[in-house]
Amino acid sequence: MPESAPARMMLQKPEVVLPAGAIIKPCPCCGAEAKIEVVFLYGTPAIRIKCPKCYMQHAPVQEGLHLFYGGREDVSFTFEEAIQKSLDIWNRRYIDSK
């Protein structure tokens, strides 16, 4: 039986490999161990870190070209850079910045 068109078009999730020495801090709300995951936004892989207990998460960081990212034009992330940016966002704590 031939595969249906949607089944053929399903996207493969790339494997997330953390940079050497990288850590994911616990959830800032409940303290649970957070998980890094790949989601797809308009067919392009994006990285987000999410708490499986309280479901806190940050906005996904998408691979590819971003127009007007953070007030700058034409910012582009590779998949590895998206992983690092996601880690930077999740691991940033107000108390650490003082």
PDB file of N, CA and C in Angstrom:
ATOM      1  N   MET A   1       0.833  -1.170   0.000  1.00  0.00           N
ATOM      2  CA  MET A   1       0.000   0.000   0.000  1.00  0.00           C
ATOM      3  C   MET A   1       0.890   1.249   0.000  1.00  0.00           C
ATOM      4  N   PRO A   2       0.708   2.158  -0.943  1.00  0.00           N
ATOM      5  CA  PRO A   2       1.564   3.351  -1.010  1.00  0.00           C
ATOM      6  C   PRO A   2       1.291   4.301   0.150  1.00  0.00           C
ATOM      7  N   GLU A   3       2.350   5.045   0.530  1.00  0.00           N
ATOM      8  CA  GLU A   3       2.225   6.011   1.616  1.00  0.00           C
ATOM      9  C   GLU A   3       1.382   7.204   1.174  1.00  0.00           C
ATOM     10  N   SER A   4       0.657   7.772   2.096  1.00  0.00           N
ATOM     11  CA  SER A   4      -0.104   8.971   1.773  1.00  0.00           C
ATOM     12  C   SER A   4       0.847  10.160   1.658  1.00  0.00           C
ATOM     13  N   ALA A   5       0.410  11.196   0.979  1.00  0.00           N
ATOM     14  CA  ALA A   5       1.244  12.383   0.787  1.00  0.00           C
ATOM     15  C   ALA A   5       1.678  12.994   2.115  1.00  0.00           C
ATOM     16  N   PRO A   6       0.772  13.180   3.108  1.00  0.00           N
ATOM     17  CA  PRO A   6       1.227  13.761   4.378  1.00  0.00           C
ATOM     18  C   PRO A   6       2.271  12.906   5.092  1.00  0.00           C
ATOM     19  N   ALA A   7       2.160  11.584   4.977  1.00  0.00           N
ATOM     20  CA  ALA A   7       3.144  10.711   5.632  1.00  0.00           C
ATOM     21  C   ALA A   7       4.515  10.871   4.999  1.00  0.00           C
ATOM     22  N   ARG A   8       4.573  11.053   3.697  1.00  0.00           N
ATOM     23  CA  ARG A   8       5.855  11.243   3.011  1.00  0.00           C
ATOM     24  C   ARG A   8       6.468  12.591   3.360  1.00  0.00           C
ATOM     25  N   MET A   9       5.613  13.557   3.658  1.00  0.00           N
ATOM     26  CA  MET A   9       6.097  14.912   3.881  1.00  0.00           C
ATOM     27  C   MET A   9       6.484  15.176   5.332  1.00  0.00           C
ATOM     28  N   MET A  10       6.320  14.204   6.227  1.00  0.00           N
ATOM     29  CA  MET A  10       6.674  14.427   7.627  1.00  0.00           C
ATOM     30  C   MET A  10       8.161  14.746   7.748  1.00  0.00           C
ATOM     31  N   LEU A  11       8.471  15.704   8.551  1.00  0.00           N
ATOM     32  CA  LEU A  11       9.840  16.162   8.703  1.00  0.00           C
ATOM     33  C   LEU A  11      10.558  15.360   9.772  1.00  0.00           C
ATOM     34  N   GLN A  12      11.817  15.097   9.529  1.00  0.00           N
ATOM     35  CA  GLN A  12      12.645  14.384  10.493  1.00  0.00           C
ATOM     36  C   GLN A  12      13.215  15.392  11.481  1.00  0.00           C
ATOM     37  N   LYS A  13      13.096  15.103  12.772  1.00  0.00           N
ATOM     38  CA  LYS A  13      13.663  15.994  13.785  1.00  0.00           C
ATOM     39  C   LYS A  13      15.166  15.748  13.878  1.00  0.00           C
ATOM     40  N   PRO A  14      15.962  16.806  13.714  1.00  0.00           N
ATOM     41  CA  PRO A  14      17.408  16.636  13.867  1.00  0.00           C
ATOM     42  C   PRO A  14      17.764  16.343  15.316  1.00  0.00           C
ATOM     43  N   GLU A  15      18.863  15.671  15.508  1.00  0.00           N
ATOM     44  CA  GLU A  15      19.322  15.349  16.862  1.00  0.00           C
ATOM     45  C   GLU A  15      19.948  16.583  17.498  1.00  0.00           C
ATOM     46  N   VAL A  16      19.619  16.825  18.740  1.00  0.00           N
ATOM     47  CA  VAL A  16      20.177  17.960  19.476  1.00  0.00           C
ATOM     48  C   VAL A  16      21.411  17.483  20.226  1.00  0.00           C
ATOM     49  N   VAL A  17      22.551  18.068  19.881  1.00  0.00           N
ATOM     50  CA  VAL A  17      23.804  17.753  20.555  1.00  0.00           C
ATOM     51  C   VAL A  17      24.241  19.014  21.293  1.00  0.00           C
ATOM     52  N   LEU A  18      24.277  18.928  22.617  1.00  0.00           N
ATOM     53  CA  LEU A  18      24.691  20.084  23.411  1.00  0.00           C
ATOM     54  C   LEU A  18      26.180  20.348  23.238  1.00  0.00           C
ATOM     55  N   PRO A  19      26.576  21.619  23.212  1.00  0.00           N
ATOM     56  CA  PRO A  19      28.001  21.937  23.156  1.00  0.00           C
ATOM     57  C   PRO A  19      28.728  21.363  24.372  1.00  0.00           C
ATOM     58  N   ALA A  20      29.996  21.107  24.217  1.00  0.00           N
ATOM     59  CA  ALA A  20      30.791  20.541  25.313  1.00  0.00           C
ATOM     60  C   ALA A  20      30.714  21.450  26.531  1.00  0.00           C
ATOM     61  N   GLY A  21      30.435  20.867  27.672  1.00  0.00           N
ATOM     62  CA  GLY A  21      30.370  21.603  28.929  1.00  0.00           C
ATOM     63  C   GLY A  21      29.075  22.361  29.152  1.00  0.00           C
ATOM     64  N   ALA A  22      28.144  22.278  28.212  1.00  0.00           N
ATOM     65  CA  ALA A  22      26.881  23.009  28.355  1.00  0.00           C
ATOM     66  C   ALA A  22      25.980  22.320  29.371  1.00  0.00           C
ATOM     67  N   ILE A  23      25.252  23.133  30.129  1.00  0.00           N
ATOM     68  CA  ILE A  23      24.282  22.613  31.079  1.00  0.00           C
ATOM     69  C   ILE A  23      22.938  23.300  30.842  1.00  0.00           C
ATOM     70  N   ILE A  24      21.886  22.629  31.242  1.00  0.00           N
ATOM     71  CA  ILE A  24      20.561  23.229  31.230  1.00  0.00           C
ATOM     72  C   ILE A  24      20.175  23.401  32.688  1.00  0.00           C
ATOM     73  N   LYS A  25      20.017  24.653  33.116  1.00  0.00           N
ATOM     74  CA  LYS A  25      19.659  24.915  34.506  1.00  0.00           C
ATOM     75  C   LYS A  25      18.250  24.404  34.785  1.00  0.00           C
ATOM     76  N   PRO A  26      17.950  24.113  36.050  1.00  0.00           N
ATOM     77  CA  PRO A  26      16.593  23.701  36.411  1.00  0.00           C
ATOM     78  C   PRO A  26      15.589  24.814  36.105  1.00  0.00           C
ATOM     79  N   CYS A  27      14.337  24.448  36.062  1.00  0.00           N
ATOM     80  CA  CYS A  27      13.258  25.404  35.809  1.00  0.00           C
ATOM     81  C   CYS A  27      13.287  26.506  36.867  1.00  0.00           C
ATOM     82  N   PRO A  28      13.228  27.776  36.453  1.00  0.00           N
ATOM     83  CA  PRO A  28      13.251  28.857  37.431  1.00  0.00           C
ATOM     84  C   PRO A  28      11.961  28.966  38.250  1.00  0.00           C
ATOM     85  N   CYS A  29      10.889  28.327  37.802  1.00  0.00           N
ATOM     86  CA  CYS A  29       9.616  28.400  38.535  1.00  0.00           C
ATOM     87  C   CYS A  29       9.470  27.279  39.555  1.00  0.00           C
ATOM     88  N   CYS A  30       9.679  26.036  39.111  1.00  0.00           N
ATOM     89  CA  CYS A  30       9.410  24.903  40.006  1.00  0.00           C
ATOM     90  C   CYS A  30      10.650  24.103  40.376  1.00  0.00           C
ATOM     91  N   GLY A  31      11.778  24.340  39.693  1.00  0.00           N
ATOM     92  CA  GLY A  31      13.014  23.650  40.013  1.00  0.00           C
ATOM     93  C   GLY A  31      13.185  22.286  39.362  1.00  0.00           C
ATOM     94  N   ALA A  32      12.224  21.875  38.520  1.00  0.00           N
ATOM     95  CA  ALA A  32      12.314  20.574  37.844  1.00  0.00           C
ATOM     96  C   ALA A  32      13.391  20.608  36.757  1.00  0.00           C
ATOM     97  N   GLU A  33      13.818  19.430  36.338  1.00  0.00           N
ATOM     98  CA  GLU A  33      14.806  19.315  35.275  1.00  0.00           C
ATOM     99  C   GLU A  33      14.148  19.651  33.942  1.00  0.00           C
ATOM    100  N   ALA A  34      14.688  20.634  33.241  1.00  0.00           N
ATOM    101  CA  ALA A  34      14.140  21.072  31.959  1.00  0.00           C
ATOM    102  C   ALA A  34      14.678  20.201  30.831  1.00  0.00           C
ATOM    103  N   LYS A  35      13.945  20.159  29.729  1.00  0.00           N
ATOM    104  CA  LYS A  35      14.316  19.352  28.561  1.00  0.00           C
ATOM    105  C   LYS A  35      14.452  20.246  27.340  1.00  0.00           C
ATOM    106  N   ILE A  36      15.425  19.942  26.501  1.00  0.00           N
ATOM    107  CA  ILE A  36      15.594  20.663  25.246  1.00  0.00           C
ATOM    108  C   ILE A  36      14.900  19.848  24.154  1.00  0.00           C
ATOM    109  N   GLU A  37      14.209  20.537  23.248  1.00  0.00           N
ATOM    110  CA  GLU A  37      13.479  19.820  22.215  1.00  0.00           C
ATOM    111  C   GLU A  37      13.480  20.592  20.902  1.00  0.00           C
ATOM    112  N   VAL A  38      13.227  19.849  19.839  1.00  0.00           N
ATOM    113  CA  VAL A  38      13.115  20.424  18.500  1.00  0.00           C
ATOM    114  C   VAL A  38      11.640  20.517  18.148  1.00  0.00           C
ATOM    115  N   VAL A  39      11.229  21.689  17.691  1.00  0.00           N
ATOM    116  CA  VAL A  39       9.880  21.890  17.166  1.00  0.00           C
ATOM    117  C   VAL A  39      10.042  22.466  15.763  1.00  0.00           C
ATOM    118  N   PHE A  40       8.992  22.425  14.988  1.00  0.00           N
ATOM    119  CA  PHE A  40       9.053  22.975  13.639  1.00  0.00           C
ATOM    120  C   PHE A  40       8.139  24.180  13.531  1.00  0.00           C
ATOM    121  N   LEU A  41       8.684  25.269  13.010  1.00  0.00           N
ATOM    122  CA  LEU A  41       7.918  26.472  12.726  1.00  0.00           C
ATOM    123  C   LEU A  41       7.961  26.682  11.216  1.00  0.00           C
ATOM    124  N   TYR A  42       6.844  26.519  10.589  1.00  0.00           N
ATOM    125  CA  TYR A  42       6.748  26.670   9.134  1.00  0.00           C
ATOM    126  C   TYR A  42       7.750  25.781   8.404  1.00  0.00           C
ATOM    127  N   GLY A  43       7.943  24.573   8.914  1.00  0.00           N
ATOM    128  CA  GLY A  43       8.814  23.593   8.261  1.00  0.00           C
ATOM    129  C   GLY A  43      10.288  23.747   8.569  1.00  0.00           C
ATOM    130  N   THR A  44      10.654  24.678   9.417  1.00  0.00           N
ATOM    131  CA  THR A  44      12.056  24.903   9.765  1.00  0.00           C
ATOM    132  C   THR A  44      12.274  24.514  11.220  1.00  0.00           C
ATOM    133  N   PRO A  45      13.353  23.764  11.512  1.00  0.00           N
ATOM    134  CA  PRO A  45      13.590  23.359  12.897  1.00  0.00           C
ATOM    135  C   PRO A  45      13.850  24.553  13.808  1.00  0.00           C
ATOM    136  N   ALA A  46      13.333  24.451  15.016  1.00  0.00           N
ATOM    137  CA  ALA A  46      13.552  25.464  16.043  1.00  0.00           C
ATOM    138  C   ALA A  46      13.816  24.743  17.361  1.00  0.00           C
ATOM    139  N   ILE A  47      14.567  25.375  18.222  1.00  0.00           N
ATOM    140  CA  ILE A  47      14.948  24.791  19.510  1.00  0.00           C
ATOM    141  C   ILE A  47      14.226  25.535  20.622  1.00  0.00           C
ATOM    142  N   ARG A  48      13.734  24.780  21.588  1.00  0.00           N
ATOM    143  CA  ARG A  48      13.197  25.402  22.791  1.00  0.00           C
ATOM    144  C   ARG A  48      13.519  24.507  23.973  1.00  0.00           C
ATOM    145  N   ILE A  49      13.560  25.120  25.128  1.00  0.00           N
ATOM    146  CA  ILE A  49      13.756  24.388  26.374  1.00  0.00           C
ATOM    147  C   ILE A  49      12.460  24.550  27.158  1.00  0.00           C
ATOM    148  N   LYS A  50      11.986  23.426  27.690  1.00  0.00           N
ATOM    149  CA  LYS A  50      10.668  23.397  28.312  1.00  0.00           C
ATOM    150  C   LYS A  50      10.721  22.567  29.587  1.00  0.00           C
ATOM    151  N   CYS A  51       9.981  23.001  30.584  1.00  0.00           N
ATOM    152  CA  CYS A  51       9.855  22.257  31.830  1.00  0.00           C
ATOM    153  C   CYS A  51       8.706  21.253  31.691  1.00  0.00           C
ATOM    154  N   PRO A  52       8.962  19.970  31.901  1.00  0.00           N
ATOM    155  CA  PRO A  52       7.887  18.981  31.783  1.00  0.00           C
ATOM    156  C   PRO A  52       6.910  18.992  32.960  1.00  0.00           C
ATOM    157  N   LYS A  53       7.267  19.667  34.043  1.00  0.00           N
ATOM    158  CA  LYS A  53       6.399  19.690  35.220  1.00  0.00           C
ATOM    159  C   LYS A  53       5.400  20.858  35.173  1.00  0.00           C
ATOM    160  N   CYS A  54       5.905  22.093  35.018  1.00  0.00           N
ATOM    161  CA  CYS A  54       5.014  23.264  35.019  1.00  0.00           C
ATOM    162  C   CYS A  54       4.800  23.843  33.621  1.00  0.00           C
ATOM    163  N   TYR A  55       5.469  23.289  32.623  1.00  0.00           N
ATOM    164  CA  TYR A  55       5.332  23.668  31.206  1.00  0.00           C
ATOM    165  C   TYR A  55       5.864  25.058  30.872  1.00  0.00           C
ATOM    166  N   MET A  56       6.675  25.621  31.754  1.00  0.00           N
ATOM    167  CA  MET A  56       7.313  26.887  31.403  1.00  0.00           C
ATOM    168  C   MET A  56       8.262  26.629  30.239  1.00  0.00           C
ATOM    169  N   GLN A  57       8.319  27.579  29.326  1.00  0.00           N
ATOM    170  CA  GLN A  57       9.210  27.449  28.172  1.00  0.00           C
ATOM    171  C   GLN A  57       9.547  28.829  27.650  1.00  0.00           C
ATOM    172  N   HIS A  58      10.567  28.898  26.824  1.00  0.00           N
ATOM    173  CA  HIS A  58      10.877  30.171  26.172  1.00  0.00           C
ATOM    174  C   HIS A  58      10.452  30.068  24.711  1.00  0.00           C
ATOM    175  N   ALA A  59      10.388  31.197  24.060  1.00  0.00           N
ATOM    176  CA  ALA A  59      10.026  31.206  22.638  1.00  0.00           C
ATOM    177  C   ALA A  59      11.069  30.422  21.855  1.00  0.00           C
ATOM    178  N   PRO A  60      10.649  29.577  20.922  1.00  0.00           N
ATOM    179  CA  PRO A  60      11.611  28.791  20.156  1.00  0.00           C
ATOM    180  C   PRO A  60      12.581  29.670  19.364  1.00  0.00           C
ATOM    181  N   VAL A  61      13.825  29.217  19.279  1.00  0.00           N
ATOM    182  CA  VAL A  61      14.845  29.886  18.471  1.00  0.00           C
ATOM    183  C   VAL A  61      14.959  29.092  17.176  1.00  0.00           C
ATOM    184  N   GLN A  62      14.634  29.739  16.075  1.00  0.00           N
ATOM    185  CA  GLN A  62      14.524  29.058  14.796  1.00  0.00           C
ATOM    186  C   GLN A  62      15.820  29.156  14.001  1.00  0.00           C
ATOM    187  N   GLU A  63      16.133  28.059  13.325  1.00  0.00           N
ATOM    188  CA  GLU A  63      17.269  28.034  12.410  1.00  0.00           C
ATOM    189  C   GLU A  63      16.908  28.870  11.192  1.00  0.00           C
ATOM    190  N   GLY A  64      17.875  29.570  10.641  1.00  0.00           N
ATOM    191  CA  GLY A  64      17.641  30.310   9.408  1.00  0.00           C
ATOM    192  C   GLY A  64      17.685  31.809   9.592  1.00  0.00           C
ATOM    193  N   LEU A  65      17.197  32.507   8.596  1.00  0.00           N
ATOM    194  CA  LEU A  65      17.252  33.962   8.552  1.00  0.00           C
ATOM    195  C   LEU A  65      16.107  34.586   9.331  1.00  0.00           C
ATOM    196  N   HIS A  66      16.425  35.577  10.152  1.00  0.00           N
ATOM    197  CA  HIS A  66      15.419  36.303  10.930  1.00  0.00           C
ATOM    198  C   HIS A  66      15.522  37.776  10.589  1.00  0.00           C
ATOM    199  N   LEU A  67      14.461  38.327  10.097  1.00  0.00           N
ATOM    200  CA  LEU A  67      14.449  39.753   9.806  1.00  0.00           C
ATOM    201  C   LEU A  67      14.067  40.507  11.068  1.00  0.00           C
ATOM    202  N   PHE A  68      14.797  41.539  11.372  1.00  0.00           N
ATOM    203  CA  PHE A  68      14.517  42.416  12.510  1.00  0.00           C
ATOM    204  C   PHE A  68      14.571  41.672  13.840  1.00  0.00           C
ATOM    205  N   TYR A  69      15.542  40.796  14.019  1.00  0.00           N
ATOM    206  CA  TYR A  69      15.716  40.071  15.282  1.00  0.00           C
ATOM    207  C   TYR A  69      16.379  41.000  16.281  1.00  0.00           C
ATOM    208  N   GLY A  70      15.703  41.283  17.350  1.00  0.00           N
ATOM    209  CA  GLY A  70      16.264  42.121  18.407  1.00  0.00           C
ATOM    210  C   GLY A  70      16.660  43.511  17.938  1.00  0.00           C
ATOM    211  N   GLY A  71      15.921  44.048  16.963  1.00  0.00           N
ATOM    212  CA  GLY A  71      16.220  45.380  16.456  1.00  0.00           C
ATOM    213  C   GLY A  71      17.279  45.398  15.375  1.00  0.00           C
ATOM    214  N   ARG A  72      17.886  44.261  15.097  1.00  0.00           N
ATOM    215  CA  ARG A  72      18.896  44.192  14.036  1.00  0.00           C
ATOM    216  C   ARG A  72      18.279  43.508  12.827  1.00  0.00           C
ATOM    217  N   GLU A  73      18.751  43.852  11.669  1.00  0.00           N
ATOM    218  CA  GLU A  73      18.216  43.257  10.452  1.00  0.00           C
ATOM    219  C   GLU A  73      19.092  42.093   9.992  1.00  0.00           C
ATOM    220  N   ASP A  74      18.463  41.146   9.319  1.00  0.00           N
ATOM    221  CA  ASP A  74      19.155  40.037   8.653  1.00  0.00           C
ATOM    222  C   ASP A  74      20.085  39.241   9.570  1.00  0.00           C
ATOM    223  N   VAL A  75      19.556  38.755  10.668  1.00  0.00           N
ATOM    224  CA  VAL A  75      20.301  37.889  11.570  1.00  0.00           C
ATOM    225  C   VAL A  75      19.987  36.446  11.184  1.00  0.00           C
ATOM    226  N   SER A  76      21.011  35.625  11.076  1.00  0.00           N
ATOM    227  CA  SER A  76      20.817  34.235  10.683  1.00  0.00           C
ATOM    228  C   SER A  76      21.472  33.316  11.704  1.00  0.00           C
ATOM    229  N   PHE A  77      20.763  32.226  12.055  1.00  0.00           N
ATOM    230  CA  PHE A  77      21.293  31.243  12.993  1.00  0.00           C
ATOM    231  C   PHE A  77      21.430  29.901  12.296  1.00  0.00           C
ATOM    232  N   THR A  78      22.564  29.218  12.519  1.00  0.00           N
ATOM    233  CA  THR A  78      22.669  27.822  12.138  1.00  0.00           C
ATOM    234  C   THR A  78      21.948  27.008  13.212  1.00  0.00           C
ATOM    235  N   PHE A  79      21.771  25.717  12.983  1.00  0.00           N
ATOM    236  CA  PHE A  79      21.109  24.864  13.975  1.00  0.00           C
ATOM    237  C   PHE A  79      21.901  24.856  15.282  1.00  0.00           C
ATOM    238  N   GLU A  80      23.227  24.785  15.192  1.00  0.00           N
ATOM    239  CA  GLU A  80      24.077  24.775  16.384  1.00  0.00           C
ATOM    240  C   GLU A  80      23.993  26.103  17.123  1.00  0.00           C
ATOM    241  N   GLU A  81      23.939  27.220  16.384  1.00  0.00           N
ATOM    242  CA  GLU A  81      23.805  28.529  17.018  1.00  0.00           C
ATOM    243  C   GLU A  81      22.441  28.679  17.692  1.00  0.00           C
ATOM    244  N   ALA A  82      21.415  28.092  17.085  1.00  0.00           N
ATOM    245  CA  ALA A  82      20.080  28.128  17.687  1.00  0.00           C
ATOM    246  C   ALA A  82      20.076  27.370  19.014  1.00  0.00           C
ATOM    247  N   ILE A  83      20.804  26.254  19.075  1.00  0.00           N
ATOM    248  CA  ILE A  83      20.929  25.497  20.330  1.00  0.00           C
ATOM    249  C   ILE A  83      21.600  26.367  21.388  1.00  0.00           C
ATOM    250  N   GLN A  84      22.710  27.016  21.028  1.00  0.00           N
ATOM    251  CA  GLN A  84      23.442  27.846  21.983  1.00  0.00           C
ATOM    252  C   GLN A  84      22.606  29.040  22.428  1.00  0.00           C
ATOM    253  N   LYS A  85      21.904  29.673  21.505  1.00  0.00           N
ATOM    254  CA  LYS A  85      21.058  30.818  21.852  1.00  0.00           C
ATOM    255  C   LYS A  85      19.936  30.387  22.803  1.00  0.00           C
ATOM    256  N   SER A  86      19.369  29.220  22.548  1.00  0.00           N
ATOM    257  CA  SER A  86      18.316  28.689  23.406  1.00  0.00           C
ATOM    258  C   SER A  86      18.853  28.439  24.821  1.00  0.00           C
ATOM    259  N   LEU A  87      20.034  27.869  24.916  1.00  0.00           N
ATOM    260  CA  LEU A  87      20.664  27.650  26.228  1.00  0.00           C
ATOM    261  C   LEU A  87      20.915  28.973  26.945  1.00  0.00           C
ATOM    262  N   ASP A  88      21.388  29.975  26.190  1.00  0.00           N
ATOM    263  CA  ASP A  88      21.650  31.291  26.785  1.00  0.00           C
ATOM    264  C   ASP A  88      20.367  31.904  27.334  1.00  0.00           C
ATOM    265  N   ILE A  89      19.278  31.783  26.587  1.00  0.00           N
ATOM    266  CA  ILE A  89      17.993  32.346  27.016  1.00  0.00           C
ATOM    267  C   ILE A  89      17.506  31.633  28.274  1.00  0.00           C
ATOM    268  N   TRP A  90      17.503  30.301  28.237  1.00  0.00           N
ATOM    269  CA  TRP A  90      16.964  29.538  29.368  1.00  0.00           C
ATOM    270  C   TRP A  90      17.805  29.712  30.624  1.00  0.00           C
ATOM    271  N   ASN A  91      19.116  29.692  30.472  1.00  0.00           N
ATOM    272  CA  ASN A  91      20.008  29.722  31.631  1.00  0.00           C
ATOM    273  C   ASN A  91      20.192  31.117  32.229  1.00  0.00           C
ATOM    274  N   ARG A  92      19.721  32.152  31.550  1.00  0.00           N
ATOM    275  CA  ARG A  92      19.855  33.510  32.077  1.00  0.00           C
ATOM    276  C   ARG A  92      18.896  33.688  33.254  1.00  0.00           C
ATOM    277  N   ARG A  93      19.427  34.171  34.360  1.00  0.00           N
ATOM    278  CA  ARG A  93      18.635  34.420  35.552  1.00  0.00           C
ATOM    279  C   ARG A  93      18.883  35.845  36.016  1.00  0.00           C
ATOM    280  N   TYR A  94      17.853  36.497  36.488  1.00  0.00           N
ATOM    281  CA  TYR A  94      17.978  37.865  36.972  1.00  0.00           C
ATOM    282  C   TYR A  94      19.011  37.951  38.098  1.00  0.00           C
ATOM    283  N   ILE A  95      18.974  37.009  38.987  1.00  0.00           N
ATOM    284  CA  ILE A  95      19.879  37.022  40.138  1.00  0.00           C
ATOM    285  C   ILE A  95      21.343  36.882  39.708  1.00  0.00           C
ATOM    286  N   ASP A  96      21.594  36.158  38.577  1.00  0.00           N
ATOM    287  CA  ASP A  96      22.947  35.977  38.070  1.00  0.00           C
ATOM    288  C   ASP A  96      23.502  37.269  37.476  1.00  0.00           C
ATOM    289  N   SER A  97      22.626  38.163  37.021  1.00  0.00           N
ATOM    290  CA  SER A  97      23.094  39.349  36.299  1.00  0.00           C
ATOM    291  C   SER A  97      23.471  40.494  37.213  1.00  0.00           C
ATOM    292  N   LYS A  98      23.281  40.353  38.506  1.00  0.00           N
ATOM    293  CA  LYS A  98      23.640  41.435  39.443  1.00  0.00           C
ATOM    294  C   LYS A  98      25.116  41.454  39.723  1.00  0.00           C
TER     295      LYS A  98
END
